Amino acid sequence: MYAVIATGGKQYRVSQGDFIEVEKLGVEVGAEVKFDQVLLIGTDTETTIGKPTVPGALVVGKVVENGRAAKIIVFKIRRRKNYRRKQGHRQAFTRLVIQGIQVG
């Protein structure tokens, strides 16, 4: 069984036991997180598509880690104008393990 959930402006396909990295949720390590914006639930035989969400569906996960991704460099330049700007960025994330998908 798998589900498609929406969090942080993105959609994730998850099933039980998966590890996913989502936008920072601001919860402590070891806390339980419940996602009620379940867009789709699929099994081996059937698929339930929400309008826009599946009523009564819930995906439960546990926070494993809060961290920051690797640094990326944003470099802007305008040739022949002596314009150079260098900036770094590290995106914050929350790593989860999916514990279960509840339907109904």
PDB file of N, CA and C in Angstrom:
ATOM      1  N   MET A   1       0.840  -1.170   0.000  1.00  0.00           N
ATOM      2  CA  MET A   1       0.000   0.000   0.000  1.00  0.00           C
ATOM      3  C   MET A   1       0.891   1.241   0.000  1.00  0.00           C
ATOM      4  N   TYR A   2       0.486   2.232  -0.769  1.00  0.00           N
ATOM      5  CA  TYR A   2       1.226   3.474  -0.808  1.00  0.00           C
ATOM      6  C   TYR A   2       0.235   4.637  -0.806  1.00  0.00           C
ATOM      7  N   ALA A   3       0.781   5.823  -0.518  1.00  0.00           N
ATOM      8  CA  ALA A   3      -0.045   7.025  -0.486  1.00  0.00           C
ATOM      9  C   ALA A   3       0.759   8.187  -1.046  1.00  0.00           C
ATOM     10  N   VAL A   4       0.051   9.191  -1.537  1.00  0.00           N
ATOM     11  CA  VAL A   4       0.676  10.434  -1.966  1.00  0.00           C
ATOM     12  C   VAL A   4       0.191  11.507  -1.007  1.00  0.00           C
ATOM     13  N   ILE A   5       1.151  12.153  -0.304  1.00  0.00           N
ATOM     14  CA  ILE A   5       0.807  13.185   0.666  1.00  0.00           C
ATOM     15  C   ILE A   5       1.361  14.524   0.200  1.00  0.00           C
ATOM     16  N   ALA A   6       0.776  15.598   0.712  1.00  0.00           N
ATOM     17  CA  ALA A   6       1.237  16.946   0.403  1.00  0.00           C
ATOM     18  C   ALA A   6       1.678  17.611   1.698  1.00  0.00           C
ATOM     19  N   THR A   7       2.899  18.136   1.702  1.00  0.00           N
ATOM     20  CA  THR A   7       3.414  18.894   2.829  1.00  0.00           C
ATOM     21  C   THR A   7       4.516  19.814   2.337  1.00  0.00           C
ATOM     22  N   GLY A   8       4.545  21.017   2.855  1.00  0.00           N
ATOM     23  CA  GLY A   8       5.587  21.964   2.485  1.00  0.00           C
ATOM     24  C   GLY A   8       5.540  22.389   1.030  1.00  0.00           C
ATOM     25  N   GLY A   9       4.362  22.352   0.412  1.00  0.00           N
ATOM     26  CA  GLY A   9       4.245  22.753  -0.981  1.00  0.00           C
ATOM     27  C   GLY A   9       4.695  21.700  -1.977  1.00  0.00           C
ATOM     28  N   LYS A  10       5.003  20.502  -1.499  1.00  0.00           N
ATOM     29  CA  LYS A  10       5.460  19.420  -2.374  1.00  0.00           C
ATOM     30  C   LYS A  10       4.623  18.179  -2.126  1.00  0.00           C
ATOM     31  N   GLN A  11       4.705  17.232  -3.050  1.00  0.00           N
ATOM     32  CA  GLN A  11       3.988  15.973  -2.918  1.00  0.00           C
ATOM     33  C   GLN A  11       4.992  14.835  -2.843  1.00  0.00           C
ATOM     34  N   TYR A  12       4.699  13.851  -1.993  1.00  0.00           N
ATOM     35  CA  TYR A  12       5.595  12.725  -1.766  1.00  0.00           C
ATOM     36  C   TYR A  12       4.817  11.419  -1.867  1.00  0.00           C
ATOM     37  N   ARG A  13       5.400  10.436  -2.553  1.00  0.00           N
ATOM     38  CA  ARG A  13       4.823   9.088  -2.610  1.00  0.00           C
ATOM     39  C   ARG A  13       5.494   8.285  -1.505  1.00  0.00           C
ATOM     40  N   VAL A  14       4.701   7.780  -0.563  1.00  0.00           N
ATOM     41  CA  VAL A  14       5.250   7.102   0.606  1.00  0.00           C
ATOM     42  C   VAL A  14       4.565   5.754   0.802  1.00  0.00           C
ATOM     43  N   SER A  15       5.278   4.855   1.430  1.00  0.00           N
ATOM     44  CA  SER A  15       4.713   3.599   1.901  1.00  0.00           C
ATOM     45  C   SER A  15       5.347   3.309   3.252  1.00  0.00           C
ATOM     46  N   GLN A  16       4.832   2.317   3.946  1.00  0.00           N
ATOM     47  CA  GLN A  16       5.297   2.038   5.298  1.00  0.00           C
ATOM     48  C   GLN A  16       6.764   1.649   5.292  1.00  0.00           C
ATOM     49  N   GLY A  17       7.538   2.261   6.202  1.00  0.00           N
ATOM     50  CA  GLY A  17       8.965   1.984   6.319  1.00  0.00           C
ATOM     51  C   GLY A  17       9.854   2.898   5.502  1.00  0.00           C
ATOM     52  N   ASP A  18       9.279   3.768   4.680  1.00  0.00           N
ATOM     53  CA  ASP A  18      10.072   4.691   3.864  1.00  0.00           C
ATOM     54  C   ASP A  18      10.658   5.806   4.717  1.00  0.00           C
ATOM     55  N   PHE A  19      11.849   6.269   4.333  1.00  0.00           N
ATOM     56  CA  PHE A  19      12.455   7.456   4.906  1.00  0.00           C
ATOM     57  C   PHE A  19      12.302   8.581   3.893  1.00  0.00           C
ATOM     58  N   ILE A  20      11.776   9.725   4.320  1.00  0.00           N
ATOM     59  CA  ILE A  20      11.628  10.867   3.422  1.00  0.00           C
ATOM     60  C   ILE A  20      12.171  12.119   4.107  1.00  0.00           C
ATOM     61  N   GLU A  21      12.613  13.061   3.300  1.00  0.00           N
ATOM     62  CA  GLU A  21      13.049  14.365   3.796  1.00  0.00           C
ATOM     63  C   GLU A  21      12.065  15.407   3.305  1.00  0.00           C
ATOM     64  N   VAL A  22      11.419  16.112   4.243  1.00  0.00           N
ATOM     65  CA  VAL A  22      10.437  17.131   3.910  1.00  0.00           C
ATOM     66  C   VAL A  22      10.952  18.486   4.401  1.00  0.00           C
ATOM     67  N   GLU A  23      10.260  19.540   4.008  1.00  0.00           N
ATOM     68  CA  GLU A  23      10.604  20.866   4.518  1.00  0.00           C
ATOM     69  C   GLU A  23      10.517  20.845   6.038  1.00  0.00           C
ATOM     70  N   LYS A  24      11.304  21.689   6.698  1.00  0.00           N
ATOM     71  CA  LYS A  24      11.383  21.686   8.154  1.00  0.00           C
ATOM     72  C   LYS A  24      10.001  21.847   8.779  1.00  0.00           C
ATOM     73  N   LEU A  25       9.669  20.936   9.714  1.00  0.00           N
ATOM     74  CA  LEU A  25       8.361  20.943  10.363  1.00  0.00           C
ATOM     75  C   LEU A  25       8.390  21.601  11.734  1.00  0.00           C
ATOM     76  N   GLY A  26       9.534  21.735  12.347  1.00  0.00           N
ATOM     77  CA  GLY A  26       9.626  22.383  13.647  1.00  0.00           C
ATOM     78  C   GLY A  26       9.140  21.525  14.803  1.00  0.00           C
ATOM     79  N   VAL A  27       9.316  20.208  14.716  1.00  0.00           N
ATOM     80  CA  VAL A  27       8.956  19.306  15.802  1.00  0.00           C
ATOM     81  C   VAL A  27      10.219  18.589  16.271  1.00  0.00           C
ATOM     82  N   GLU A  28      10.186  18.087  17.494  1.00  0.00           N
ATOM     83  CA  GLU A  28      11.355  17.465  18.103  1.00  0.00           C
ATOM     84  C   GLU A  28      11.606  16.057  17.547  1.00  0.00           C
ATOM     85  N   VAL A  29      12.837  15.616  17.680  1.00  0.00           N
ATOM     86  CA  VAL A  29      13.202  14.261  17.253  1.00  0.00           C
ATOM     87  C   VAL A  29      12.465  13.253  18.131  1.00  0.00           C
ATOM     88  N   GLY A  30      11.887  12.243  17.501  1.00  0.00           N
ATOM     89  CA  GLY A  30      11.133  11.228  18.217  1.00  0.00           C
ATOM     90  C   GLY A  30       9.640  11.509  18.271  1.00  0.00           C
ATOM     91  N   ALA A  31       9.225  12.702  17.868  1.00  0.00           N
ATOM     92  CA  ALA A  31       7.799  13.045  17.897  1.00  0.00           C
ATOM     93  C   ALA A  31       7.070  12.382  16.738  1.00  0.00           C
ATOM     94  N   GLU A  32       5.777  12.185  16.916  1.00  0.00           N
ATOM     95  CA  GLU A  32       4.942  11.590  15.887  1.00  0.00           C
ATOM     96  C   GLU A  32       4.262  12.693  15.093  1.00  0.00           C
ATOM     97  N   VAL A  33       4.253  12.551  13.767  1.00  0.00           N
ATOM     98  CA  VAL A  33       3.653  13.546  12.878  1.00  0.00           C
ATOM     99  C   VAL A  33       2.551  12.859  12.086  1.00  0.00           C
ATOM    100  N   LYS A  34       1.402  13.538  11.984  1.00  0.00           N
ATOM    101  CA  LYS A  34       0.276  12.988  11.228  1.00  0.00           C
ATOM    102  C   LYS A  34      -0.014  13.899  10.044  1.00  0.00           C
ATOM    103  N   PHE A  35      -0.083  13.307   8.863  1.00  0.00           N
ATOM    104  CA  PHE A  35      -0.391  14.037   7.642  1.00  0.00           C
ATOM    105  C   PHE A  35      -1.815  13.692   7.227  1.00  0.00           C
ATOM    106  N   ASP A  36      -2.687  14.696   7.208  1.00  0.00           N
ATOM    107  CA  ASP A  36      -4.072  14.444   6.822  1.00  0.00           C
ATOM    108  C   ASP A  36      -4.364  14.865   5.387  1.00  0.00           C
ATOM    109  N   GLN A  37      -3.403  15.498   4.733  1.00  0.00           N
ATOM    110  CA  GLN A  37      -3.580  15.851   3.327  1.00  0.00           C
ATOM    111  C   GLN A  37      -3.091  14.695   2.456  1.00  0.00           C
ATOM    112  N   VAL A  38      -3.900  13.646   2.395  1.00  0.00           N
ATOM    113  CA  VAL A  38      -3.586  12.460   1.604  1.00  0.00           C
ATOM    114  C   VAL A  38      -4.319  12.606   0.273  1.00  0.00           C
ATOM    115  N   LEU A  39      -3.568  12.716  -0.811  1.00  0.00           N
ATOM    116  CA  LEU A  39      -4.151  12.971  -2.127  1.00  0.00           C
ATOM    117  C   LEU A  39      -4.556  11.699  -2.853  1.00  0.00           C
ATOM    118  N   LEU A  40      -3.884  10.590  -2.537  1.00  0.00           N
ATOM    119  CA  LEU A  40      -4.136   9.343  -3.249  1.00  0.00           C
ATOM    120  C   LEU A  40      -3.704   8.178  -2.375  1.00  0.00           C
ATOM    121  N   ILE A  41      -4.454   7.089  -2.445  1.00  0.00           N
ATOM    122  CA  ILE A  41      -4.070   5.849  -1.767  1.00  0.00           C
ATOM    123  C   ILE A  41      -4.166   4.725  -2.787  1.00  0.00           C
ATOM    124  N   GLY A  42      -3.099   3.956  -2.894  1.00  0.00           N
ATOM    125  CA  GLY A  42      -3.076   2.867  -3.862  1.00  0.00           C
ATOM    126  C   GLY A  42      -2.707   1.552  -3.217  1.00  0.00           C
ATOM    127  N   THR A  43      -3.346   0.489  -3.688  1.00  0.00           N
ATOM    128  CA  THR A  43      -3.009  -0.871  -3.265  1.00  0.00           C
ATOM    129  C   THR A  43      -2.683  -1.674  -4.524  1.00  0.00           C
ATOM    130  N   ASP A  44      -2.527  -2.988  -4.367  1.00  0.00           N
ATOM    131  CA  ASP A  44      -2.234  -3.840  -5.513  1.00  0.00           C
ATOM    132  C   ASP A  44      -3.409  -3.906  -6.484  1.00  0.00           C
ATOM    133  N   THR A  45      -4.622  -3.771  -5.959  1.00  0.00           N
ATOM    134  CA  THR A  45      -5.796  -3.962  -6.808  1.00  0.00           C
ATOM    135  C   THR A  45      -6.555  -2.697  -7.150  1.00  0.00           C
ATOM    136  N   GLU A  46      -6.527  -1.684  -6.273  1.00  0.00           N
ATOM    137  CA  GLU A  46      -7.320  -0.491  -6.547  1.00  0.00           C
ATOM    138  C   GLU A  46      -6.590   0.781  -6.129  1.00  0.00           C
ATOM    139  N   THR A  47      -7.059   1.896  -6.685  1.00  0.00           N
ATOM    140  CA  THR A  47      -6.508   3.198  -6.376  1.00  0.00           C
ATOM    141  C   THR A  47      -7.643   4.138  -6.017  1.00  0.00           C
ATOM    142  N   THR A  48      -7.487   4.869  -4.906  1.00  0.00           N
ATOM    143  CA  THR A  48      -8.476   5.850  -4.471  1.00  0.00           C
ATOM    144  C   THR A  48      -7.873   7.232  -4.634  1.00  0.00           C
ATOM    145  N   ILE A  49      -8.522   8.060  -5.441  1.00  0.00           N
ATOM    146  CA  ILE A  49      -8.041   9.410  -5.697  1.00  0.00           C
ATOM    147  C   ILE A  49      -8.951  10.381  -4.961  1.00  0.00           C
ATOM    148  N   GLY A  50      -8.351  11.313  -4.220  1.00  0.00           N
ATOM    149  CA  GLY A  50      -9.118  12.279  -3.448  1.00  0.00           C
ATOM    150  C   GLY A  50      -9.600  13.441  -4.289  1.00  0.00           C
ATOM    151  N   LYS A  51     -10.609  14.131  -3.749  1.00  0.00           N
ATOM    152  CA  LYS A  51     -11.181  15.292  -4.438  1.00  0.00           C
ATOM    153  C   LYS A  51     -11.288  16.461  -3.475  1.00  0.00           C
ATOM    154  N   PRO A  52     -10.299  17.179  -3.070  1.00  0.00           N
ATOM    155  CA  PRO A  52      -8.871  17.044  -3.384  1.00  0.00           C
ATOM    156  C   PRO A  52      -8.133  16.056  -2.490  1.00  0.00           C
ATOM    157  N   THR A  53      -8.712  15.699  -1.310  1.00  0.00           N
ATOM    158  CA  THR A  53      -8.042  14.737  -0.446  1.00  0.00           C
ATOM    159  C   THR A  53      -8.968  13.542  -0.208  1.00  0.00           C
ATOM    160  N   VAL A  54      -8.367  12.445   0.219  1.00  0.00           N
ATOM    161  CA  VAL A  54      -9.126  11.235   0.530  1.00  0.00           C
ATOM    162  C   VAL A  54      -9.717  11.407   1.936  1.00  0.00           C
ATOM    163  N   PRO A  55     -11.049  11.345   2.082  1.00  0.00           N
ATOM    164  CA  PRO A  55     -11.646  11.562   3.408  1.00  0.00           C
ATOM    165  C   PRO A  55     -11.315  10.437   4.378  1.00  0.00           C
ATOM    166  N   GLY A  56     -10.898  10.816   5.589  1.00  0.00           N
ATOM    167  CA  GLY A  56     -10.601   9.842   6.633  1.00  0.00           C
ATOM    168  C   GLY A  56      -9.237   9.187   6.531  1.00  0.00           C
ATOM    169  N   ALA A  57      -8.443   9.537   5.536  1.00  0.00           N
ATOM    170  CA  ALA A  57      -7.122   8.915   5.372  1.00  0.00           C
ATOM    171  C   ALA A  57      -6.087   9.685   6.193  1.00  0.00           C
ATOM    172  N   LEU A  58      -5.106   8.954   6.696  1.00  0.00           N
ATOM    173  CA  LEU A  58      -4.091   9.550   7.556  1.00  0.00           C
ATOM    174  C   LEU A  58      -2.781   8.793   7.362  1.00  0.00           C
ATOM    175  N   VAL A  59      -1.686   9.541   7.264  1.00  0.00           N
ATOM    176  CA  VAL A  59      -0.355   8.943   7.188  1.00  0.00           C
ATOM    177  C   VAL A  59       0.397   9.368   8.440  1.00  0.00           C
ATOM    178  N   VAL A  60       0.953   8.393   9.158  1.00  0.00           N
ATOM    179  CA  VAL A  60       1.640   8.650  10.413  1.00  0.00           C
ATOM    180  C   VAL A  60       3.127   8.421  10.219  1.00  0.00           C
ATOM    181  N   GLY A  61       3.932   9.387  10.679  1.00  0.00           N
ATOM    182  CA  GLY A  61       5.383   9.265  10.592  1.00  0.00           C
ATOM    183  C   GLY A  61       6.041   9.650  11.900  1.00  0.00           C
ATOM    184  N   LYS A  62       7.302   9.291  12.036  1.00  0.00           N
ATOM    185  CA  LYS A  62       8.075   9.615  13.229  1.00  0.00           C
ATOM    186  C   LYS A  62       9.317  10.386  12.808  1.00  0.00           C
ATOM    187  N   VAL A  63       9.628  11.460  13.526  1.00  0.00           N
ATOM    188  CA  VAL A  63      10.768  12.307  13.192  1.00  0.00           C
ATOM    189  C   VAL A  63      12.050  11.599  13.608  1.00  0.00           C
ATOM    190  N   VAL A  64      12.956  11.446  12.646  1.00  0.00           N
ATOM    191  CA  VAL A  64      14.237  10.798  12.896  1.00  0.00           C
ATOM    192  C   VAL A  64      15.324  11.841  13.116  1.00  0.00           C
ATOM    193  N   GLU A  65      15.268  12.933  12.344  1.00  0.00           N
ATOM    194  CA  GLU A  65      16.346  13.926  12.396  1.00  0.00           C
ATOM    195  C   GLU A  65      15.850  15.260  11.868  1.00  0.00           C
ATOM    196  N   ASN A  66      16.352  16.339  12.470  1.00  0.00           N
ATOM    197  CA  ASN A  66      16.203  17.677  11.927  1.00  0.00           C
ATOM    198  C   ASN A  66      17.588  18.125  11.511  1.00  0.00           C
ATOM    199  N   GLY A  67      17.725  18.628  10.304  1.00  0.00           N
ATOM    200  CA  GLY A  67      19.056  19.004   9.847  1.00  0.00           C
ATOM    201  C   GLY A  67      19.018  20.028   8.744  1.00  0.00           C
ATOM    202  N   ARG A  68      20.178  20.238   8.152  1.00  0.00           N
ATOM    203  CA  ARG A  68      20.308  21.165   7.040  1.00  0.00           C
ATOM    204  C   ARG A  68      21.053  20.468   5.910  1.00  0.00           C
ATOM    205  N   ALA A  69      20.607  20.716   4.694  1.00  0.00           N
ATOM    206  CA  ALA A  69      21.192  20.068   3.519  1.00  0.00           C
ATOM    207  C   ALA A  69      22.570  20.662   3.219  1.00  0.00           C
ATOM    208  N   ALA A  70      23.235  20.088   2.244  1.00  0.00           N
ATOM    209  CA  ALA A  70      24.546  20.582   1.834  1.00  0.00           C
ATOM    210  C   ALA A  70      24.432  21.993   1.277  1.00  0.00           C
ATOM    211  N   LYS A  71      25.502  22.750   1.405  1.00  0.00           N
ATOM    212  CA  LYS A  71      25.485  24.142   0.963  1.00  0.00           C
ATOM    213  C   LYS A  71      25.492  24.234  -0.560  1.00  0.00           C
ATOM    214  N   ILE A  72      24.677  25.150  -1.068  1.00  0.00           N
ATOM    215  CA  ILE A  72      24.728  25.483  -2.488  1.00  0.00           C
ATOM    216  C   ILE A  72      25.201  26.918  -2.606  1.00  0.00           C
ATOM    217  N   ILE A  73      25.857  27.239  -3.696  1.00  0.00           N
ATOM    218  CA  ILE A  73      26.381  28.572  -3.937  1.00  0.00           C
ATOM    219  C   ILE A  73      25.536  29.241  -5.012  1.00  0.00           C
ATOM    220  N   VAL A  74      25.041  30.434  -4.706  1.00  0.00           N
ATOM    221  CA  VAL A  74      24.298  31.239  -5.667  1.00  0.00           C
ATOM    222  C   VAL A  74      25.241  32.349  -6.109  1.00  0.00           C
ATOM    223  N   PHE A  75      25.620  32.344  -7.385  1.00  0.00           N
ATOM    224  CA  PHE A  75      26.579  33.328  -7.892  1.00  0.00           C
ATOM    225  C   PHE A  75      25.957  34.073  -9.052  1.00  0.00           C
ATOM    226  N   LYS A  76      25.861  35.388  -8.920  1.00  0.00           N
ATOM    227  CA  LYS A  76      25.291  36.229  -9.969  1.00  0.00           C
ATOM    228  C   LYS A  76      26.403  37.089 -10.547  1.00  0.00           C
ATOM    229  N   ILE A  77      26.401  37.230 -11.852  1.00  0.00           N
ATOM    230  CA  ILE A  77      27.423  38.053 -12.508  1.00  0.00           C
ATOM    231  C   ILE A  77      26.820  38.730 -13.728  1.00  0.00           C
ATOM    232  N   ARG A  78      27.227  39.972 -13.963  1.00  0.00           N
ATOM    233  CA  ARG A  78      26.887  40.702 -15.181  1.00  0.00           C
ATOM    234  C   ARG A  78      28.214  41.017 -15.862  1.00  0.00           C
ATOM    235  N   ARG A  79      28.391  40.476 -17.024  1.00  0.00           N
ATOM    236  CA  ARG A  79      29.682  40.639 -17.676  1.00  0.00           C
ATOM    237  C   ARG A  79      29.921  42.098 -18.078  1.00  0.00           C
ATOM    238  N   ARG A  80      31.135  42.484 -17.957  1.00  0.00           N
ATOM    239  CA  ARG A  80      31.623  43.825 -18.291  1.00  0.00           C
ATOM    240  C   ARG A  80      31.040  44.937 -17.420  1.00  0.00           C
ATOM    241  N   LYS A  81      30.353  44.623 -16.350  1.00  0.00           N
ATOM    242  CA  LYS A  81      29.741  45.654 -15.500  1.00  0.00           C
ATOM    243  C   LYS A  81      30.310  45.670 -14.083  1.00  0.00           C
ATOM    244  N   ASN A  82      31.309  44.825 -13.811  1.00  0.00           N
ATOM    245  CA  ASN A  82      31.921  44.715 -12.485  1.00  0.00           C
ATOM    246  C   ASN A  82      30.868  44.389 -11.419  1.00  0.00           C
ATOM    247  N   TYR A  83      29.914  43.515 -11.762  1.00  0.00           N
ATOM    248  CA  TYR A  83      28.846  43.116 -10.850  1.00  0.00           C
ATOM    249  C   TYR A  83      29.000  41.640 -10.531  1.00  0.00           C
ATOM    250  N   ARG A  84      29.320  41.347  -9.280  1.00  0.00           N
ATOM    251  CA  ARG A  84      29.451  39.959  -8.832  1.00  0.00           C
ATOM    252  C   ARG A  84      28.850  39.846  -7.444  1.00  0.00           C
ATOM    253  N   ARG A  85      27.981  38.861  -7.237  1.00  0.00           N
ATOM    254  CA  ARG A  85      27.378  38.610  -5.935  1.00  0.00           C
ATOM    255  C   ARG A  85      27.454  37.108  -5.658  1.00  0.00           C
ATOM    256  N   LYS A  86      28.018  36.766  -4.522  1.00  0.00           N
ATOM    257  CA  LYS A  86      28.131  35.362  -4.132  1.00  0.00           C
ATOM    258  C   LYS A  86      27.398  35.169  -2.812  1.00  0.00           C
ATOM    259  N   GLN A  87      26.525  34.163  -2.783  1.00  0.00           N
ATOM    260  CA  GLN A  87      25.745  33.901  -1.590  1.00  0.00           C
ATOM    261  C   GLN A  87      25.588  32.399  -1.435  1.00  0.00           C
ATOM    262  N   GLY A  88      25.644  31.912  -0.202  1.00  0.00           N
ATOM    263  CA  GLY A  88      25.450  30.501   0.078  1.00  0.00           C
ATOM    264  C   GLY A  88      24.094  30.261   0.716  1.00  0.00           C
ATOM    265  N   HIS A  89      23.608  29.024   0.620  1.00  0.00           N
ATOM    266  CA  HIS A  89      22.315  28.681   1.210  1.00  0.00           C
ATOM    267  C   HIS A  89      22.329  27.215   1.637  1.00  0.00           C
ATOM    268  N   ARG A  90      21.772  26.946   2.826  1.00  0.00           N
ATOM    269  CA  ARG A  90      21.575  25.581   3.309  1.00  0.00           C
ATOM    270  C   ARG A  90      20.115  25.434   3.692  1.00  0.00           C
ATOM    271  N   GLN A  91      19.401  24.550   3.011  1.00  0.00           N
ATOM    272  CA  GLN A  91      17.974  24.357   3.240  1.00  0.00           C
ATOM    273  C   GLN A  91      17.749  23.449   4.452  1.00  0.00           C
ATOM    274  N   ALA A  92      16.879  23.864   5.354  1.00  0.00           N
ATOM    275  CA  ALA A  92      16.545  23.059   6.529  1.00  0.00           C
ATOM    276  C   ALA A  92      15.553  21.964   6.136  1.00  0.00           C
ATOM    277  N   PHE A  93      15.698  20.782   6.747  1.00  0.00           N
ATOM    278  CA  PHE A  93      14.802  19.666   6.438  1.00  0.00           C
ATOM    279  C   PHE A  93      14.497  18.876   7.701  1.00  0.00           C
ATOM    280  N   THR A  94      13.459  18.051   7.614  1.00  0.00           N
ATOM    281  CA  THR A  94      13.104  17.096   8.656  1.00  0.00           C
ATOM    282  C   THR A  94      13.046  15.719   8.006  1.00  0.00           C
ATOM    283  N   ARG A  95      13.807  14.769   8.540  1.00  0.00           N
ATOM    284  CA  ARG A  95      13.808  13.399   8.016  1.00  0.00           C
ATOM    285  C   ARG A  95      12.812  12.570   8.835  1.00  0.00           C
ATOM    286  N   LEU A  96      11.932  11.871   8.122  1.00  0.00           N
ATOM    287  CA  LEU A  96      10.864  11.086   8.758  1.00  0.00           C
ATOM    288  C   LEU A  96      10.957   9.625   8.320  1.00  0.00           C
ATOM    289  N   VAL A  97      10.443   8.757   9.170  1.00  0.00           N
ATOM    290  CA  VAL A  97      10.195   7.373   8.778  1.00  0.00           C
ATOM    291  C   VAL A  97       8.684   7.180   8.868  1.00  0.00           C
ATOM    292  N   ILE A  98       8.110   6.630   7.802  1.00  0.00           N
ATOM    293  CA  ILE A  98       6.664   6.441   7.729  1.00  0.00           C
ATOM    294  C   ILE A  98       6.306   5.178   8.505  1.00  0.00           C
ATOM    295  N   GLN A  99       5.414   5.344   9.499  1.00  0.00           N
ATOM    296  CA  GLN A  99       5.051   4.212  10.345  1.00  0.00           C
ATOM    297  C   GLN A  99       3.792   3.498   9.866  1.00  0.00           C
ATOM    298  N   GLY A 100       2.896   4.220   9.204  1.00  0.00           N
ATOM    299  CA  GLY A 100       1.690   3.551   8.759  1.00  0.00           C
ATOM    300  C   GLY A 100       0.771   4.444   7.961  1.00  0.00           C
ATOM    301  N   ILE A 101      -0.117   3.807   7.217  1.00  0.00           N
ATOM    302  CA  ILE A 101      -1.138   4.497   6.424  1.00  0.00           C
ATOM    303  C   ILE A 101      -2.491   3.989   6.898  1.00  0.00           C
ATOM    304  N   GLN A 102      -3.325   4.920   7.361  1.00  0.00           N
ATOM    305  CA  GLN A 102      -4.644   4.548   7.859  1.00  0.00           C
ATOM    306  C   GLN A 102      -5.704   5.019   6.878  1.00  0.00           C
ATOM    307  N   VAL A 103      -6.651   4.145   6.565  1.00  0.00           N
ATOM    308  CA  VAL A 103      -7.717   4.458   5.609  1.00  0.00           C
ATOM    309  C   VAL A 103      -9.043   4.380   6.357  1.00  0.00           C
ATOM    310  N   GLY A 104      -9.923   5.332   6.045  1.00  0.00           N
ATOM    311  CA  GLY A 104     -11.268   5.291   6.626  1.00  0.00           C
ATOM    312  C   GLY A 104     -11.266   5.884   7.961  1.00  0.00           C
TER     313      GLY A 104
END
